[in-house]
């Protein structure tokens, strides 16, 4: 995933984690629409890109 503004891979999304008592670990339950670029320090639109061989 890349920042739709600057092309950086330094991006994140809001998500909801839930503690699983039996497994004793955090489980990712939901990923929200909000995306943030830490290079631009702004909200962004994420762009999916293929890795180069």
N, C-alpha and C. Protein backbone atom coordinates (compact mmCIF):
# COMPACT_ATOMS: atom_id res chain seq x y z
N UNK A 1 0.83 -1.18 0.00
CA UNK A 1 0.00 0.00 0.00
C UNK A 1 0.88 1.24 0.00
N UNK A 2 0.45 2.23 -0.77
CA UNK A 2 1.19 3.49 -0.90
C UNK A 2 0.26 4.66 -0.62
N UNK A 3 0.84 5.76 -0.20
CA UNK A 3 0.11 7.01 -0.04
C UNK A 3 -0.28 7.52 -1.43
N UNK A 4 -1.55 7.85 -1.61
CA UNK A 4 -2.04 8.36 -2.88
C UNK A 4 -1.57 9.77 -3.17
N UNK A 5 -0.97 10.44 -2.18
CA UNK A 5 -0.48 11.81 -2.35
C UNK A 5 1.01 11.82 -2.74
N UNK A 6 1.83 11.15 -1.90
CA UNK A 6 3.29 11.24 -2.11
C UNK A 6 3.95 9.94 -2.52
N UNK A 7 3.22 8.80 -2.48
CA UNK A 7 3.79 7.52 -2.86
C UNK A 7 4.56 6.80 -1.77
N UNK A 8 4.59 7.35 -0.56
CA UNK A 8 5.31 6.73 0.55
C UNK A 8 4.62 5.44 0.99
N UNK A 9 5.41 4.52 1.54
CA UNK A 9 4.86 3.30 2.13
C UNK A 9 4.69 3.46 3.64
N UNK A 10 4.98 4.63 4.17
CA UNK A 10 4.89 4.91 5.61
C UNK A 10 3.45 5.31 5.95
N UNK A 11 2.53 4.35 5.82
CA UNK A 11 1.10 4.60 5.97
C UNK A 11 0.49 3.70 7.03
N UNK A 12 -0.67 4.11 7.55
CA UNK A 12 -1.40 3.28 8.51
C UNK A 12 -2.89 3.50 8.33
N UNK A 13 -3.68 2.60 8.94
CA UNK A 13 -5.14 2.70 8.91
C UNK A 13 -5.66 2.52 10.31
N UNK A 14 -6.80 3.11 10.59
CA UNK A 14 -7.48 2.87 11.86
C UNK A 14 -8.04 1.46 11.85
N UNK A 15 -7.98 0.82 13.00
CA UNK A 15 -8.50 -0.55 13.10
C UNK A 15 -9.00 -0.79 14.52
N UNK A 16 -9.72 -1.88 14.66
CA UNK A 16 -10.27 -2.26 15.94
C UNK A 16 -9.71 -3.62 16.30
N UNK A 17 -8.95 -3.68 17.40
CA UNK A 17 -8.41 -4.94 17.89
C UNK A 17 -9.21 -5.41 19.09
N UNK A 18 -9.28 -6.71 19.26
CA UNK A 18 -10.03 -7.29 20.37
C UNK A 18 -9.16 -8.34 21.05
N UNK A 19 -9.14 -8.31 22.38
CA UNK A 19 -8.35 -9.27 23.15
C UNK A 19 -9.05 -10.62 23.15
N UNK A 20 -8.32 -11.68 22.78
CA UNK A 20 -8.83 -13.05 22.80
C UNK A 20 -8.27 -13.72 24.05
N UNK A 21 -9.12 -13.94 25.03
CA UNK A 21 -8.68 -14.49 26.31
C UNK A 21 -8.09 -15.89 26.12
N UNK A 22 -8.74 -16.73 25.35
CA UNK A 22 -8.29 -18.11 25.16
C UNK A 22 -6.93 -18.16 24.48
N UNK A 23 -6.72 -17.35 23.45
CA UNK A 23 -5.46 -17.35 22.70
C UNK A 23 -4.40 -16.46 23.34
N UNK A 24 -4.82 -15.58 24.26
CA UNK A 24 -3.92 -14.63 24.92
C UNK A 24 -3.17 -13.77 23.91
N UNK A 25 -3.94 -13.22 22.94
CA UNK A 25 -3.36 -12.34 21.93
C UNK A 25 -4.42 -11.39 21.38
N UNK A 26 -3.96 -10.33 20.75
CA UNK A 26 -4.85 -9.38 20.09
C UNK A 26 -5.25 -9.91 18.73
N UNK A 27 -6.53 -9.77 18.38
CA UNK A 27 -7.04 -10.16 17.09
C UNK A 27 -7.57 -8.92 16.38
N UNK A 28 -7.26 -8.79 15.11
CA UNK A 28 -7.77 -7.69 14.31
C UNK A 28 -9.20 -8.00 13.92
N UNK A 29 -10.13 -7.17 14.35
CA UNK A 29 -11.55 -7.41 14.08
C UNK A 29 -12.09 -6.58 12.93
N UNK A 30 -11.68 -5.31 12.84
CA UNK A 30 -12.23 -4.41 11.82
C UNK A 30 -11.15 -3.43 11.38
N UNK A 31 -11.10 -3.14 10.09
CA UNK A 31 -10.22 -2.10 9.55
C UNK A 31 -11.13 -1.01 9.00
N UNK A 32 -10.92 0.23 9.47
CA UNK A 32 -11.77 1.34 9.07
C UNK A 32 -11.23 2.04 7.83
N UNK A 33 -12.03 2.93 7.26
CA UNK A 33 -11.68 3.62 6.02
C UNK A 33 -10.55 4.64 6.19
N UNK A 34 -10.42 5.26 7.37
CA UNK A 34 -9.43 6.32 7.56
C UNK A 34 -8.02 5.81 7.35
N UNK A 35 -7.26 6.49 6.50
CA UNK A 35 -5.85 6.16 6.25
C UNK A 35 -5.01 7.41 6.49
N UNK A 36 -3.82 7.21 7.02
CA UNK A 36 -2.93 8.32 7.36
C UNK A 36 -1.54 8.06 6.79
N UNK A 37 -0.94 9.09 6.19
CA UNK A 37 0.45 9.00 5.73
C UNK A 37 1.33 9.72 6.74
N UNK A 38 2.32 9.01 7.27
CA UNK A 38 3.22 9.60 8.26
C UNK A 38 4.28 10.46 7.60
N UNK A 39 4.49 10.31 6.30
CA UNK A 39 5.42 11.19 5.57
C UNK A 39 4.75 12.53 5.27
N UNK A 40 3.52 12.50 4.79
CA UNK A 40 2.76 13.73 4.53
C UNK A 40 2.19 14.32 5.82
N UNK A 41 2.05 13.47 6.85
CA UNK A 41 1.39 13.81 8.10
C UNK A 41 -0.03 14.31 7.83
N UNK A 42 -0.77 13.52 7.02
CA UNK A 42 -2.12 13.91 6.64
C UNK A 42 -2.95 12.69 6.30
N UNK A 43 -4.27 12.89 6.27
CA UNK A 43 -5.17 11.85 5.80
C UNK A 43 -4.90 11.63 4.31
N UNK A 44 -5.02 10.39 3.87
CA UNK A 44 -4.71 10.07 2.48
C UNK A 44 -5.64 8.99 1.95
N UNK A 45 -5.53 8.73 0.69
CA UNK A 45 -6.20 7.61 0.02
C UNK A 45 -5.09 6.60 -0.27
N UNK A 46 -5.27 5.36 0.17
CA UNK A 46 -4.25 4.35 -0.07
C UNK A 46 -4.37 3.78 -1.47
N UNK A 47 -3.22 3.50 -2.07
CA UNK A 47 -3.15 2.93 -3.41
C UNK A 47 -2.44 1.59 -3.31
N UNK A 48 -3.06 0.55 -3.85
CA UNK A 48 -2.43 -0.77 -3.86
C UNK A 48 -1.45 -0.84 -5.01
N UNK A 49 -0.23 -1.31 -4.73
CA UNK A 49 0.81 -1.42 -5.76
C UNK A 49 1.44 -2.81 -5.68
N UNK A 50 1.83 -3.33 -6.83
CA UNK A 50 2.52 -4.62 -6.88
C UNK A 50 4.00 -4.42 -6.60
N UNK A 51 4.60 -5.42 -5.93
CA UNK A 51 6.02 -5.40 -5.69
C UNK A 51 6.76 -5.70 -6.99
N UNK A 52 7.88 -5.05 -7.18
CA UNK A 52 8.71 -5.31 -8.36
C UNK A 52 9.55 -6.55 -8.12
N UNK A 53 9.72 -7.38 -9.14
CA UNK A 53 10.55 -8.59 -9.03
C UNK A 53 12.02 -8.26 -9.06
